[in-house]
Amino acid sequence: MIFAGIYATKYKNDCLIMNSDGEVLFNAFTIFNNKESFDELYQKIKSCSTDLSKIKVGLETIGY
């Protein structure tokens, strides 16, 4: 299983991608709230597994 954690704020989102063994596949990185950044996130997630059903994404917001 692959896990993508996203800490969302109004202007940017901090992300980390790891597997179920706790191995970090992509160290923490920042994406912004635009299509190009979300395309970058999608490509990173997609590169981790050919079976997209094995990928879980969690999102947490801080409320502003």
PDB file of N, CA and C in Angstrom:
ATOM      1  N   MET A   1       0.845  -1.177   0.000  1.00  0.00           N
ATOM      2  CA  MET A   1       0.000   0.000   0.000  1.00  0.00           C
ATOM      3  C   MET A   1       0.891   1.241   0.000  1.00  0.00           C
ATOM      4  N   ILE A   2       0.454   2.257  -0.711  1.00  0.00           N
ATOM      5  CA  ILE A   2       1.149   3.545  -0.778  1.00  0.00           C
ATOM      6  C   ILE A   2       0.244   4.584  -0.112  1.00  0.00           C
ATOM      7  N   PHE A   3       0.835   5.416   0.722  1.00  0.00           N
ATOM      8  CA  PHE A   3       0.093   6.464   1.414  1.00  0.00           C
ATOM      9  C   PHE A   3       0.655   7.831   1.037  1.00  0.00           C
ATOM     10  N   ALA A   4      -0.229   8.746   0.647  1.00  0.00           N
ATOM     11  CA  ALA A   4       0.144  10.129   0.383  1.00  0.00           C
ATOM     12  C   ALA A   4      -0.565  10.986   1.421  1.00  0.00           C
ATOM     13  N   GLY A   5       0.213  11.666   2.229  1.00  0.00           N
ATOM     14  CA  GLY A   5      -0.352  12.549   3.246  1.00  0.00           C
ATOM     15  C   GLY A   5      -0.218  13.984   2.798  1.00  0.00           C
ATOM     16  N   ILE A   6      -1.304  14.730   2.903  1.00  0.00           N
ATOM     17  CA  ILE A   6      -1.312  16.122   2.464  1.00  0.00           C
ATOM     18  C   ILE A   6      -1.812  16.984   3.616  1.00  0.00           C
ATOM     19  N   TYR A   7      -1.016  17.959   3.996  1.00  0.00           N
ATOM     20  CA  TYR A   7      -1.382  18.944   5.013  1.00  0.00           C
ATOM     21  C   TYR A   7      -1.745  20.208   4.252  1.00  0.00           C
ATOM     22  N   ALA A   8      -3.023  20.515   4.176  1.00  0.00           N
ATOM     23  CA  ALA A   8      -3.523  21.573   3.300  1.00  0.00           C
ATOM     24  C   ALA A   8      -3.716  22.893   4.031  1.00  0.00           C
ATOM     25  N   THR A   9      -3.283  23.958   3.395  1.00  0.00           N
ATOM     26  CA  THR A   9      -3.544  25.311   3.870  1.00  0.00           C
ATOM     27  C   THR A   9      -4.117  26.128   2.710  1.00  0.00           C
ATOM     28  N   LYS A  10      -4.397  27.369   2.956  1.00  0.00           N
ATOM     29  CA  LYS A  10      -5.050  28.208   1.955  1.00  0.00           C
ATOM     30  C   LYS A  10      -4.206  28.388   0.688  1.00  0.00           C
ATOM     31  N   TYR A  11      -2.889  28.516   0.841  1.00  0.00           N
ATOM     32  CA  TYR A  11      -2.054  28.842  -0.310  1.00  0.00           C
ATOM     33  C   TYR A  11      -1.140  27.713  -0.771  1.00  0.00           C
ATOM     34  N   LYS A  12      -0.859  26.757   0.116  1.00  0.00           N
ATOM     35  CA  LYS A  12       0.061  25.687  -0.252  1.00  0.00           C
ATOM     36  C   LYS A  12      -0.294  24.419   0.514  1.00  0.00           C
ATOM     37  N   ASN A  13       0.297  23.321   0.067  1.00  0.00           N
ATOM     38  CA  ASN A  13       0.034  22.020   0.684  1.00  0.00           C
ATOM     39  C   ASN A  13       1.363  21.301   0.850  1.00  0.00           C
ATOM     40  N   ASP A  14       1.613  20.774   2.032  1.00  0.00           N
ATOM     41  CA  ASP A  14       2.827  20.008   2.285  1.00  0.00           C
ATOM     42  C   ASP A  14       2.465  18.531   2.161  1.00  0.00           C
ATOM     43  N   CYS A  15       3.289  17.795   1.431  1.00  0.00           N
ATOM     44  CA  CYS A  15       2.979  16.404   1.096  1.00  0.00           C
ATOM     45  C   CYS A  15       4.134  15.484   1.452  1.00  0.00           C
ATOM     46  N   LEU A  16       3.805  14.232   1.691  1.00  0.00           N
ATOM     47  CA  LEU A  16       4.787  13.178   1.929  1.00  0.00           C
ATOM     48  C   LEU A  16       4.179  11.893   1.385  1.00  0.00           C
ATOM     49  N   ILE A  17       5.001  11.086   0.716  1.00  0.00           N
ATOM     50  CA  ILE A  17       4.524   9.824   0.170  1.00  0.00           C
ATOM     51  C   ILE A  17       5.388   8.705   0.729  1.00  0.00           C
ATOM     52  N   MET A  18       4.725   7.677   1.300  1.00  0.00           N
ATOM     53  CA  MET A  18       5.446   6.552   1.891  1.00  0.00           C
ATOM     54  C   MET A  18       4.693   5.250   1.620  1.00  0.00           C
ATOM     55  N   ASN A  19       5.383   4.132   1.842  1.00  0.00           N
ATOM     56  CA  ASN A  19       4.711   2.841   1.668  1.00  0.00           C
ATOM     57  C   ASN A  19       4.305   2.285   3.031  1.00  0.00           C
ATOM     58  N   SER A  20       3.642   1.138   3.027  1.00  0.00           N
ATOM     59  CA  SER A  20       3.118   0.569   4.266  1.00  0.00           C
ATOM     60  C   SER A  20       4.213   0.022   5.185  1.00  0.00           C
ATOM     61  N   ASP A  21       5.439  -0.092   4.677  1.00  0.00           N
ATOM     62  CA  ASP A  21       6.569  -0.493   5.512  1.00  0.00           C
ATOM     63  C   ASP A  21       7.220   0.706   6.211  1.00  0.00           C
ATOM     64  N   GLY A  22       6.703   1.905   5.962  1.00  0.00           N
ATOM     65  CA  GLY A  22       7.251   3.109   6.568  1.00  0.00           C
ATOM     66  C   GLY A  22       8.388   3.728   5.782  1.00  0.00           C
ATOM     67  N   GLU A  23       8.686   3.167   4.606  1.00  0.00           N
ATOM     68  CA  GLU A  23       9.750   3.721   3.754  1.00  0.00           C
ATOM     69  C   GLU A  23       9.237   4.964   3.046  1.00  0.00           C
ATOM     70  N   VAL A  24       9.952   6.064   3.204  1.00  0.00           N
ATOM     71  CA  VAL A  24       9.567   7.314   2.560  1.00  0.00           C
ATOM     72  C   VAL A  24       9.961   7.241   1.090  1.00  0.00           C
ATOM     73  N   LEU A  25       8.967   7.380   0.217  1.00  0.00           N
ATOM     74  CA  LEU A  25       9.214   7.320  -1.219  1.00  0.00           C
ATOM     75  C   LEU A  25       9.503   8.699  -1.790  1.00  0.00           C
ATOM     76  N   PHE A  26       8.862   9.715  -1.246  1.00  0.00           N
ATOM     77  CA  PHE A  26       9.130  11.110  -1.592  1.00  0.00           C
ATOM     78  C   PHE A  26       9.163  11.893  -0.289  1.00  0.00           C
ATOM     79  N   ASN A  27      10.313  12.471   0.020  1.00  0.00           N
ATOM     80  CA  ASN A  27      10.426  13.314   1.211  1.00  0.00           C
ATOM     81  C   ASN A  27       9.433  14.463   1.121  1.00  0.00           C
ATOM     82  N   ALA A  28       9.182  15.093   2.239  1.00  0.00           N
ATOM     83  CA  ALA A  28       8.223  16.198   2.288  1.00  0.00           C
ATOM     84  C   ALA A  28       8.525  17.222   1.201  1.00  0.00           C
ATOM     85  N   PHE A  29       7.472  17.599   0.488  1.00  0.00           N
ATOM     86  CA  PHE A  29       7.584  18.603  -0.561  1.00  0.00           C
ATOM     87  C   PHE A  29       6.326  19.459  -0.546  1.00  0.00           C
ATOM     88  N   THR A  30       6.405  20.621  -1.142  1.00  0.00           N
ATOM     89  CA  THR A  30       5.293  21.566  -1.147  1.00  0.00           C
ATOM     90  C   THR A  30       4.712  21.679  -2.547  1.00  0.00           C
ATOM     91  N   ILE A  31       3.390  21.677  -2.613  1.00  0.00           N
ATOM     92  CA  ILE A  31       2.712  22.012  -3.857  1.00  0.00           C
ATOM     93  C   ILE A  31       1.792  23.197  -3.570  1.00  0.00           C
ATOM     94  N   PHE A  32       1.535  23.957  -4.603  1.00  0.00           N
ATOM     95  CA  PHE A  32       0.668  25.122  -4.468  1.00  0.00           C
ATOM     96  C   PHE A  32      -0.704  24.794  -5.034  1.00  0.00           C
ATOM     97  N   ASN A  33      -1.655  25.628  -4.767  1.00  0.00           N
ATOM     98  CA  ASN A  33      -3.037  25.387  -5.173  1.00  0.00           C
ATOM     99  C   ASN A  33      -3.266  25.805  -6.616  1.00  0.00           C
ATOM    100  N   ASN A  34      -2.586  25.099  -7.520  1.00  0.00           N
ATOM    101  CA  ASN A  34      -2.797  25.328  -8.944  1.00  0.00           C
ATOM    102  C   ASN A  34      -2.683  23.991  -9.679  1.00  0.00           C
ATOM    103  N   LYS A  35      -3.143  23.968 -10.899  1.00  0.00           N
ATOM    104  CA  LYS A  35      -3.186  22.725 -11.669  1.00  0.00           C
ATOM    105  C   LYS A  35      -1.808  22.116 -11.862  1.00  0.00           C
ATOM    106  N   GLU A  36      -0.802  22.936 -12.135  1.00  0.00           N
ATOM    107  CA  GLU A  36       0.544  22.416 -12.377  1.00  0.00           C
ATOM    108  C   GLU A  36       1.076  21.665 -11.157  1.00  0.00           C
ATOM    109  N   SER A  37       0.872  22.215  -9.983  1.00  0.00           N
ATOM    110  CA  SER A  37       1.341  21.565  -8.761  1.00  0.00           C
ATOM    111  C   SER A  37       0.590  20.269  -8.492  1.00  0.00           C
ATOM    112  N   PHE A  38      -0.727  20.273  -8.717  1.00  0.00           N
ATOM    113  CA  PHE A  38      -1.482  19.044  -8.493  1.00  0.00           C
ATOM    114  C   PHE A  38      -1.149  17.985  -9.546  1.00  0.00           C
ATOM    115  N   ASP A  39      -0.798  18.411 -10.759  1.00  0.00           N
ATOM    116  CA  ASP A  39      -0.319  17.459 -11.761  1.00  0.00           C
ATOM    117  C   ASP A  39       0.999  16.828 -11.304  1.00  0.00           C
ATOM    118  N   GLU A  40       1.877  17.643 -10.719  1.00  0.00           N
ATOM    119  CA  GLU A  40       3.144  17.137 -10.184  1.00  0.00           C
ATOM    120  C   GLU A  40       2.889  16.110  -9.079  1.00  0.00           C
ATOM    121  N   LEU A  41       1.969  16.417  -8.183  1.00  0.00           N
ATOM    122  CA  LEU A  41       1.620  15.486  -7.109  1.00  0.00           C
ATOM    123  C   LEU A  41       1.078  14.185  -7.690  1.00  0.00           C
ATOM    124  N   TYR A  42       0.180  14.291  -8.649  1.00  0.00           N
ATOM    125  CA  TYR A  42      -0.405  13.102  -9.264  1.00  0.00           C
ATOM    126  C   TYR A  42       0.667  12.228  -9.917  1.00  0.00           C
ATOM    127  N   GLN A  43       1.608  12.852 -10.614  1.00  0.00           N
ATOM    128  CA  GLN A  43       2.672  12.090 -11.275  1.00  0.00           C
ATOM    129  C   GLN A  43       3.558  11.376 -10.249  1.00  0.00           C
ATOM    130  N   LYS A  44       3.853  12.026  -9.141  1.00  0.00           N
ATOM    131  CA  LYS A  44       4.651  11.386  -8.095  1.00  0.00           C
ATOM    132  C   LYS A  44       3.910  10.198  -7.504  1.00  0.00           C
ATOM    133  N   ILE A  45       2.632  10.385  -7.213  1.00  0.00           N
ATOM    134  CA  ILE A  45       1.837   9.296  -6.658  1.00  0.00           C
ATOM    135  C   ILE A  45       1.754   8.150  -7.652  1.00  0.00           C
ATOM    136  N   LYS A  46       1.473   8.466  -8.901  1.00  0.00           N
ATOM    137  CA  LYS A  46       1.318   7.449  -9.939  1.00  0.00           C
ATOM    138  C   LYS A  46       2.619   6.670 -10.171  1.00  0.00           C
ATOM    139  N   SER A  47       3.763   7.311  -9.970  1.00  0.00           N
ATOM    140  CA  SER A  47       5.041   6.638 -10.192  1.00  0.00           C
ATOM    141  C   SER A  47       5.346   5.586  -9.120  1.00  0.00           C
ATOM    142  N   CYS A  48       4.605   5.602  -8.038  1.00  0.00           N
ATOM    143  CA  CYS A  48       4.857   4.677  -6.929  1.00  0.00           C
ATOM    144  C   CYS A  48       4.196   3.319  -7.115  1.00  0.00           C
ATOM    145  N   SER A  49       3.151   3.231  -7.928  1.00  0.00           N
ATOM    146  CA  SER A  49       2.448   1.962  -8.106  1.00  0.00           C
ATOM    147  C   SER A  49       1.661   1.987  -9.410  1.00  0.00           C
ATOM    148  N   THR A  50       1.675   0.871 -10.115  1.00  0.00           N
ATOM    149  CA  THR A  50       0.873   0.772 -11.333  1.00  0.00           C
ATOM    150  C   THR A  50      -0.582   0.461 -11.007  1.00  0.00           C
ATOM    151  N   ASP A  51      -0.836  -0.012  -9.793  1.00  0.00           N
ATOM    152  CA  ASP A  51      -2.195  -0.327  -9.351  1.00  0.00           C
ATOM    153  C   ASP A  51      -2.698   0.811  -8.463  1.00  0.00           C
ATOM    154  N   LEU A  52      -3.468   1.720  -9.044  1.00  0.00           N
ATOM    155  CA  LEU A  52      -3.928   2.898  -8.299  1.00  0.00           C
ATOM    156  C   LEU A  52      -4.866   2.543  -7.147  1.00  0.00           C
ATOM    157  N   SER A  53      -5.432   1.344  -7.138  1.00  0.00           N
ATOM    158  CA  SER A  53      -6.285   0.940  -6.015  1.00  0.00           C
ATOM    159  C   SER A  53      -5.463   0.669  -4.761  1.00  0.00           C
ATOM    160  N   LYS A  54      -4.152   0.598  -4.885  1.00  0.00           N
ATOM    161  CA  LYS A  54      -3.249   0.367  -3.750  1.00  0.00           C
ATOM    162  C   LYS A  54      -2.750   1.673  -3.144  1.00  0.00           C
ATOM    163  N   ILE A  55      -3.320   2.792  -3.575  1.00  0.00           N
ATOM    164  CA  ILE A  55      -2.869   4.107  -3.105  1.00  0.00           C
ATOM    165  C   ILE A  55      -3.979   4.758  -2.283  1.00  0.00           C
ATOM    166  N   LYS A  56      -3.608   5.243  -1.114  1.00  0.00           N
ATOM    167  CA  LYS A  56      -4.547   5.952  -0.238  1.00  0.00           C
ATOM    168  C   LYS A  56      -4.010   7.368  -0.019  1.00  0.00           C
ATOM    169  N   VAL A  57      -4.906   8.339  -0.082  1.00  0.00           N
ATOM    170  CA  VAL A  57      -4.531   9.736   0.107  1.00  0.00           C
ATOM    171  C   VAL A  57      -5.287  10.276   1.312  1.00  0.00           C
ATOM    172  N   GLY A  58      -4.537  10.887   2.234  1.00  0.00           N
ATOM    173  CA  GLY A  58      -5.127  11.508   3.403  1.00  0.00           C
ATOM    174  C   GLY A  58      -4.910  13.004   3.341  1.00  0.00           C
ATOM    175  N   LEU A  59      -5.915  13.756   3.736  1.00  0.00           N
ATOM    176  CA  LEU A  59      -5.854  15.209   3.673  1.00  0.00           C
ATOM    177  C   LEU A  59      -6.268  15.785   5.015  1.00  0.00           C
ATOM    178  N   GLU A  60      -5.461  16.707   5.521  1.00  0.00           N
ATOM    179  CA  GLU A  60      -5.787  17.384   6.771  1.00  0.00           C
ATOM    180  C   GLU A  60      -5.679  18.884   6.530  1.00  0.00           C
ATOM    181  N   THR A  61      -6.656  19.631   7.011  1.00  0.00           N
ATOM    182  CA  THR A  61      -6.631  21.082   6.877  1.00  0.00           C
ATOM    183  C   THR A  61      -6.459  21.724   8.248  1.00  0.00           C
ATOM    184  N   ILE A  62      -6.012  22.978   8.236  1.00  0.00           N
ATOM    185  CA  ILE A  62      -5.872  23.684   9.503  1.00  0.00           C
ATOM    186  C   ILE A  62      -6.963  24.735   9.687  1.00  0.00           C
ATOM    187  N   GLY A  63      -7.862  24.864   8.724  1.00  0.00           N
ATOM    188  CA  GLY A  63      -9.018  25.717   8.907  1.00  0.00           C
ATOM    189  C   GLY A  63      -8.879  27.158   8.464  1.00  0.00           C
ATOM    190  N   TYR A  64      -7.810  27.515   7.764  1.00  0.00           N
ATOM    191  CA  TYR A  64      -7.753  28.859   7.188  1.00  0.00           C
ATOM    192  C   TYR A  64      -7.180  28.834   5.822  1.00  0.00           C
TER     193      TYR A  64
END
